[in-house]
PDB file of N, CA and C in Angstrom:
ATOM      1  N   UNK A   1       0.858  -0.861  -0.203  1.00  0.00           N
ATOM      2  CA  UNK A   1       0.055   0.007   0.102  1.00  0.00           C
ATOM      3  C   UNK A   1       0.783   1.134   0.155  1.00  0.00           C
ATOM      4  N   UNK A   2       1.973   1.090   0.689  1.00  0.00           N
ATOM      5  CA  UNK A   2       2.844   2.615   0.571  1.00  0.00           C
ATOM      6  C   UNK A   2       3.327   2.626  -0.787  1.00  0.00           C
ATOM      7  N   UNK A   3       3.590   1.601  -1.420  1.00  0.00           N
ATOM      8  CA  UNK A   3       4.272   2.100  -2.502  1.00  0.00           C
ATOM      9  C   UNK A   3       3.089   2.614  -3.586  1.00  0.00           C
ATOM     10  N   UNK A   4       1.781   2.185  -3.626  1.00  0.00           N
ATOM     11  CA  UNK A   4       0.922   2.813  -4.106  1.00  0.00           C
ATOM     12  C   UNK A   4       0.602   4.304  -3.832  1.00  0.00           C
ATOM     13  N   UNK A   5       1.019   4.756  -2.453  1.00  0.00           N
ATOM     14  CA  UNK A   5       0.977   6.162  -2.182  1.00  0.00           C
ATOM     15  C   UNK A   5       1.838   6.945  -2.923  1.00  0.00           C
ATOM     16  N   UNK A   6       3.082   6.623  -3.054  1.00  0.00           N
ATOM     17  CA  UNK A   6       3.909   7.196  -3.938  1.00  0.00           C
ATOM     18  C   UNK A   6       3.795   7.182  -5.620  1.00  0.00           C
ATOM     19  N   UNK A   7       3.168   6.101  -5.929  1.00  0.00           N
ATOM     20  CA  UNK A   7       3.001   5.933  -7.459  1.00  0.00           C
ATOM     21  C   UNK A   7       1.677   6.588  -8.077  1.00  0.00           C
ATOM     22  N   UNK A   8       0.726   6.774  -7.418  1.00  0.00           N
ATOM     23  CA  UNK A   8      -0.569   7.367  -7.678  1.00  0.00           C
ATOM     24  C   UNK A   8      -0.132   8.804  -7.945  1.00  0.00           C
ATOM     25  N   UNK A   9       0.250   9.490  -6.978  1.00  0.00           N
ATOM     26  CA  UNK A   9       0.751  11.015  -7.159  1.00  0.00           C
ATOM     27  C   UNK A   9       1.599  11.385  -8.602  1.00  0.00           C
ATOM     28  N   UNK A  10       2.466  10.591  -8.651  1.00  0.00           N
ATOM     29  CA  UNK A  10       3.637  10.732  -9.504  1.00  0.00           C
ATOM     30  C   UNK A  10       2.689  10.464 -11.018  1.00  0.00           C
ATOM     31  N   UNK A  11       1.772   9.456 -11.439  1.00  0.00           N
ATOM     32  CA  UNK A  11       1.488   9.370 -12.452  1.00  0.00           C
ATOM     33  C   UNK A  11       0.387  10.806 -12.534  1.00  0.00           C
ATOM     34  N   UNK A  12      -0.419  11.150 -11.612  1.00  0.00           N
ATOM     35  CA  UNK A  12      -1.418  11.928 -11.677  1.00  0.00           C
ATOM     36  C   UNK A  12      -0.556  13.540 -12.401  1.00  0.00           C
ATOM     37  N   UNK A  13       0.702  13.768 -11.527  1.00  0.00           N
ATOM     38  CA  UNK A  13       1.532  14.961 -12.064  1.00  0.00           C
ATOM     39  C   UNK A  13       1.976  14.723 -13.676  1.00  0.00           C
ATOM     40  N   UNK A  14       2.217  13.550 -13.668  1.00  0.00           N
ATOM     41  CA  UNK A  14       2.808  13.178 -15.422  1.00  0.00           C
ATOM     42  C   UNK A  14       1.471  13.387 -16.105  1.00  0.00           C
ATOM     43  N   UNK A  15       0.287  13.066 -16.018  1.00  0.00           N
ATOM     44  CA  UNK A  15      -0.787  13.105 -16.777  1.00  0.00           C
ATOM     45  C   UNK A  15      -1.253  14.571 -16.596  1.00  0.00           C
ATOM     46  N   UNK A  16      -1.129  15.708 -15.777  1.00  0.00           N
ATOM     47  CA  UNK A  16      -1.284  16.818 -15.878  1.00  0.00           C
ATOM     48  C   UNK A  16      -0.367  17.628 -17.019  1.00  0.00           C
ATOM     49  N   UNK A  17       1.050  16.959 -16.840  1.00  0.00           N
ATOM     50  CA  UNK A  17       2.174  17.642 -17.586  1.00  0.00           C
ATOM     51  C   UNK A  17       1.735  17.350 -18.844  1.00  0.00           C
ATOM     52  N   UNK A  18       1.497  16.097 -19.490  1.00  0.00           N
ATOM     53  CA  UNK A  18       0.910  15.796 -20.677  1.00  0.00           C
ATOM     54  C   UNK A  18      -0.243  16.781 -21.414  1.00  0.00           C
ATOM     55  N   UNK A  19      -1.078  17.247 -20.859  1.00  0.00           N
ATOM     56  CA  UNK A  19      -2.074  18.125 -20.953  1.00  0.00           C
ATOM     57  C   UNK A  19      -1.684  19.283 -21.675  1.00  0.00           C
ATOM     58  N   UNK A  20      -0.868  19.902 -20.947  1.00  0.00           N
ATOM     59  CA  UNK A  20      -0.017  21.356 -21.284  1.00  0.00           C
ATOM     60  C   UNK A  20      -0.084  21.467 -23.052  1.00  0.00           C
ATOM     61  N   UNK A  21       0.523  20.422 -23.554  1.00  0.00           N
ATOM     62  CA  UNK A  21       1.018  20.578 -24.790  1.00  0.00           C
ATOM     63  C   UNK A  21      -0.303  20.676 -25.844  1.00  0.00           C
ATOM     64  N   UNK A  22      -0.294  21.671 -26.702  1.00  0.00           N
ATOM     65  CA  UNK A  22      -1.741  21.634 -27.398  1.00  0.00           C
ATOM     66  C   UNK A  22      -0.901  21.452 -28.892  1.00  0.00           C
ATOM     67  N   UNK A  23      -1.693  20.618 -29.800  1.00  0.00           N
ATOM     68  CA  UNK A  23      -1.362  20.275 -31.317  1.00  0.00           C
ATOM     69  C   UNK A  23      -1.971  21.413 -32.023  1.00  0.00           C
ATOM     70  N   UNK A  24      -1.705  21.229 -33.530  1.00  0.00           N
ATOM     71  CA  UNK A  24      -2.484  21.802 -34.420  1.00  0.00           C
ATOM     72  C   UNK A  24      -3.764  21.419 -34.455  1.00  0.00           C
ATOM     73  N   UNK A  25      -4.306  20.172 -34.277  1.00  0.00           N
ATOM     74  CA  UNK A  25      -5.513  19.742 -34.587  1.00  0.00           C
ATOM     75  C   UNK A  25      -6.560  20.371 -33.419  1.00  0.00           C
ATOM     76  N   UNK A  26      -5.820  20.641 -32.264  1.00  0.00           N
ATOM     77  CA  UNK A  26      -6.872  21.335 -30.877  1.00  0.00           C
ATOM     78  C   UNK A  26      -7.350  22.812 -31.350  1.00  0.00           C
ATOM     79  N   UNK A  27      -6.112  23.325 -31.895  1.00  0.00           N
ATOM     80  CA  UNK A  27      -5.873  25.084 -32.190  1.00  0.00           C
ATOM     81  C   UNK A  27      -6.979  25.219 -33.191  1.00  0.00           C
ATOM     82  N   UNK A  28      -7.033  24.016 -34.404  1.00  0.00           N
ATOM     83  CA  UNK A  28      -8.333  24.217 -35.576  1.00  0.00           C
ATOM     84  C   UNK A  28      -9.716  23.592 -34.734  1.00  0.00           C
ATOM     85  N   UNK A  29      -9.563  22.683 -34.090  1.00  0.00           N
ATOM     86  CA  UNK A  29     -10.940  22.550 -33.556  1.00  0.00           C
ATOM     87  C   UNK A  29     -11.538  23.452 -32.532  1.00  0.00           C
ATOM     88  N   UNK A  30     -10.613  24.314 -31.650  1.00  0.00           N
ATOM     89  CA  UNK A  30     -11.089  25.586 -31.129  1.00  0.00           C
ATOM     90  C   UNK A  30     -11.314  26.487 -31.826  1.00  0.00           C
ATOM     91  N   UNK A  31     -11.079  27.069 -32.951  1.00  0.00           N
ATOM     92  CA  UNK A  31     -11.303  27.753 -34.079  1.00  0.00           C
ATOM     93  C   UNK A  31     -12.942  27.324 -34.513  1.00  0.00           C
ATOM     94  N   UNK A  32     -12.735  26.225 -35.211  1.00  0.00           N
ATOM     95  CA  UNK A  32     -14.247  25.653 -35.333  1.00  0.00           C
ATOM     96  C   UNK A  32     -15.060  25.872 -34.445  1.00  0.00           C
ATOM     97  N   UNK A  33     -14.716  25.863 -33.424  1.00  0.00           N
ATOM     98  CA  UNK A  33     -16.238  26.051 -32.074  1.00  0.00           C
ATOM     99  C   UNK A  33     -16.356  27.290 -32.221  1.00  0.00           C
ATOM    100  N   UNK A  34     -15.483  28.054 -32.311  1.00  0.00           N
ATOM    101  CA  UNK A  34     -15.522  29.709 -32.281  1.00  0.00           C
ATOM    102  C   UNK A  34     -16.235  29.994 -33.196  1.00  0.00           C
ATOM    103  N   UNK A  35     -16.201  29.325 -34.784  1.00  0.00           N
ATOM    104  CA  UNK A  35     -16.795  29.794 -35.550  1.00  0.00           C
ATOM    105  C   UNK A  35     -18.414  29.592 -35.572  1.00  0.00           C
ATOM    106  N   UNK A  36     -18.510  28.172 -35.122  1.00  0.00           N
ATOM    107  CA  UNK A  36     -19.787  27.997 -34.479  1.00  0.00           C
ATOM    108  C   UNK A  36     -20.464  28.826 -33.797  1.00  0.00           C
ATOM    109  N   UNK A  37     -20.104  29.005 -32.609  1.00  0.00           N
ATOM    110  CA  UNK A  37     -20.566  29.954 -31.445  1.00  0.00           C
ATOM    111  C   UNK A  37     -21.153  31.377 -32.291  1.00  0.00           C
ATOM    112  N   UNK A  38     -20.310  31.919 -33.043  1.00  0.00           N
ATOM    113  CA  UNK A  38     -20.662  33.077 -33.793  1.00  0.00           C
ATOM    114  C   UNK A  38     -21.943  33.057 -34.664  1.00  0.00           C
ATOM    115  N   UNK A  39     -21.907  31.822 -35.103  1.00  0.00           N
ATOM    116  CA  UNK A  39     -23.066  31.671 -36.266  1.00  0.00           C
ATOM    117  C   UNK A  39     -24.183  31.565 -35.602  1.00  0.00           C
ATOM    118  N   UNK A  40     -23.940  31.145 -34.063  1.00  0.00           N
ATOM    119  CA  UNK A  40     -25.372  30.610 -33.843  1.00  0.00           C
ATOM    120  C   UNK A  40     -25.583  32.286 -32.830  1.00  0.00           C
ATOM    121  N   UNK A  41     -24.746  32.828 -32.638  1.00  0.00           N
ATOM    122  CA  UNK A  41     -25.189  34.104 -32.188  1.00  0.00           C
ATOM    123  C   UNK A  41     -25.751  35.102 -33.151  1.00  0.00           C
ATOM    124  N   UNK A  42     -25.441  34.855 -34.269  1.00  0.00           N
ATOM    125  CA  UNK A  42     -26.081  35.658 -35.276  1.00  0.00           C
ATOM    126  C   UNK A  42     -27.524  35.312 -35.865  1.00  0.00           C
ATOM    127  N   UNK A  43     -27.686  33.966 -35.756  1.00  0.00           N
ATOM    128  CA  UNK A  43     -29.142  33.103 -36.051  1.00  0.00           C
ATOM    129  C   UNK A  43     -29.695  33.448 -34.884  1.00  0.00           C
ATOM    130  N   UNK A  44     -29.353  33.237 -33.973  1.00  0.00           N
ATOM    131  CA  UNK A  44     -30.310  33.151 -32.514  1.00  0.00           C
ATOM    132  C   UNK A  44     -29.672  33.872 -31.380  1.00  0.00           C
ATOM    133  N   UNK A  45     -29.706  35.168 -31.469  1.00  0.00           N
ATOM    134  CA  UNK A  45     -29.120  36.358 -30.750  1.00  0.00           C
ATOM    135  C   UNK A  45     -29.245  35.876 -29.201  1.00  0.00           C
ATOM    136  N   UNK A  46     -28.643  36.180 -28.229  1.00  0.00           N
ATOM    137  CA  UNK A  46     -29.064  36.154 -26.859  1.00  0.00           C
ATOM    138  C   UNK A  46     -30.172  37.029 -26.350  1.00  0.00           C
ATOM    139  N   UNK A  47     -31.165  36.836 -25.905  1.00  0.00           N
ATOM    140  CA  UNK A  47     -32.390  37.800 -25.563  1.00  0.00           C
ATOM    141  C   UNK A  47     -32.243  38.516 -24.258  1.00  0.00           C
ATOM    142  N   UNK A  48     -31.398  38.399 -23.370  1.00  0.00           N
ATOM    143  CA  UNK A  48     -31.145  39.037 -22.433  1.00  0.00           C
ATOM    144  C   UNK A  48     -30.172  39.265 -21.552  1.00  0.00           C
ATOM    145  N   UNK A  49     -29.723  39.821 -20.915  1.00  0.00           N
ATOM    146  CA  UNK A  49     -28.680  39.711 -19.913  1.00  0.00           C
ATOM    147  C   UNK A  49     -27.793  38.799 -19.317  1.00  0.00           C
ATOM    148  N   UNK A  50     -28.988  37.698 -18.804  1.00  0.00           N
ATOM    149  CA  UNK A  50     -28.527  36.561 -18.162  1.00  0.00           C
ATOM    150  C   UNK A  50     -28.194  35.844 -19.406  1.00  0.00           C
ATOM    151  N   UNK A  51     -28.641  35.685 -20.395  1.00  0.00           N
ATOM    152  CA  UNK A  51     -28.240  34.799 -21.632  1.00  0.00           C
ATOM    153  C   UNK A  51     -27.064  35.217 -22.088  1.00  0.00           C
ATOM    154  N   UNK A  52     -26.883  36.244 -22.156  1.00  0.00           N
ATOM    155  CA  UNK A  52     -25.584  37.077 -22.650  1.00  0.00           C
ATOM    156  C   UNK A  52     -24.563  36.794 -21.753  1.00  0.00           C
ATOM    157  N   UNK A  53     -24.754  36.847 -20.833  1.00  0.00           N
ATOM    158  CA  UNK A  53     -23.799  36.322 -19.352  1.00  0.00           C
ATOM    159  C   UNK A  53     -23.702  34.840 -19.223  1.00  0.00           C
ATOM    160  N   UNK A  54     -24.548  33.959 -19.737  1.00  0.00           N
ATOM    161  CA  UNK A  54     -24.070  32.590 -19.607  1.00  0.00           C
ATOM    162  C   UNK A  54     -23.525  32.352 -21.250  1.00  0.00           C
ATOM    163  N   UNK A  55     -23.792  32.775 -22.056  1.00  0.00           N
ATOM    164  CA  UNK A  55     -22.592  32.630 -23.047  1.00  0.00           C
ATOM    165  C   UNK A  55     -21.270  33.074 -23.303  1.00  0.00           C
ATOM    166  N   UNK A  56     -21.194  34.060 -22.304  1.00  0.00           N
ATOM    167  CA  UNK A  56     -19.887  34.453 -22.601  1.00  0.00           C
ATOM    168  C   UNK A  56     -19.024  33.670 -21.227  1.00  0.00           C
ATOM    169  N   UNK A  57     -19.751  33.121 -20.379  1.00  0.00           N
ATOM    170  CA  UNK A  57     -19.121  32.031 -19.320  1.00  0.00           C
ATOM    171  C   UNK A  57     -18.646  31.019 -20.228  1.00  0.00           C
ATOM    172  N   UNK A  58     -19.749  30.431 -20.969  1.00  0.00           N
ATOM    173  CA  UNK A  58     -19.447  29.190 -21.723  1.00  0.00           C
ATOM    174  C   UNK A  58     -17.865  29.629 -22.495  1.00  0.00           C
ATOM    175  N   UNK A  59     -18.043  30.696 -23.267  1.00  0.00           N
ATOM    176  CA  UNK A  59     -16.685  30.984 -24.120  1.00  0.00           C
ATOM    177  C   UNK A  59     -15.442  30.814 -23.229  1.00  0.00           C
ATOM    178  N   UNK A  60     -15.821  31.711 -21.872  1.00  0.00           N
ATOM    179  CA  UNK A  60     -14.570  31.538 -21.127  1.00  0.00           C
ATOM    180  C   UNK A  60     -13.991  30.226 -20.782  1.00  0.00           C
ATOM    181  N   UNK A  61     -14.883  29.222 -20.411  1.00  0.00           N
ATOM    182  CA  UNK A  61     -14.576  27.833 -19.917  1.00  0.00           C
ATOM    183  C   UNK A  61     -14.371  27.091 -20.965  1.00  0.00           C
ATOM    184  N   UNK A  62     -14.765  27.066 -22.352  1.00  0.00           N
ATOM    185  CA  UNK A  62     -14.400  26.219 -23.454  1.00  0.00           C
ATOM    186  C   UNK A  62     -13.218  27.017 -23.995  1.00  0.00           C
TER     187      UNK A  62
END
């Protein structure tokens, strides 16, 4: 059991370190997502301040 306590945190840190690098496919996917959000805002604009705030939070999180 003590060995598991040492190995598990090391694996978690290694996994987090691997998530930092971003490739060209991820950048292209993010660009497509933003384009889709812009089209959505054009077709169905947010109607109120709460909906505008929600969409801005979505953009910030994603």
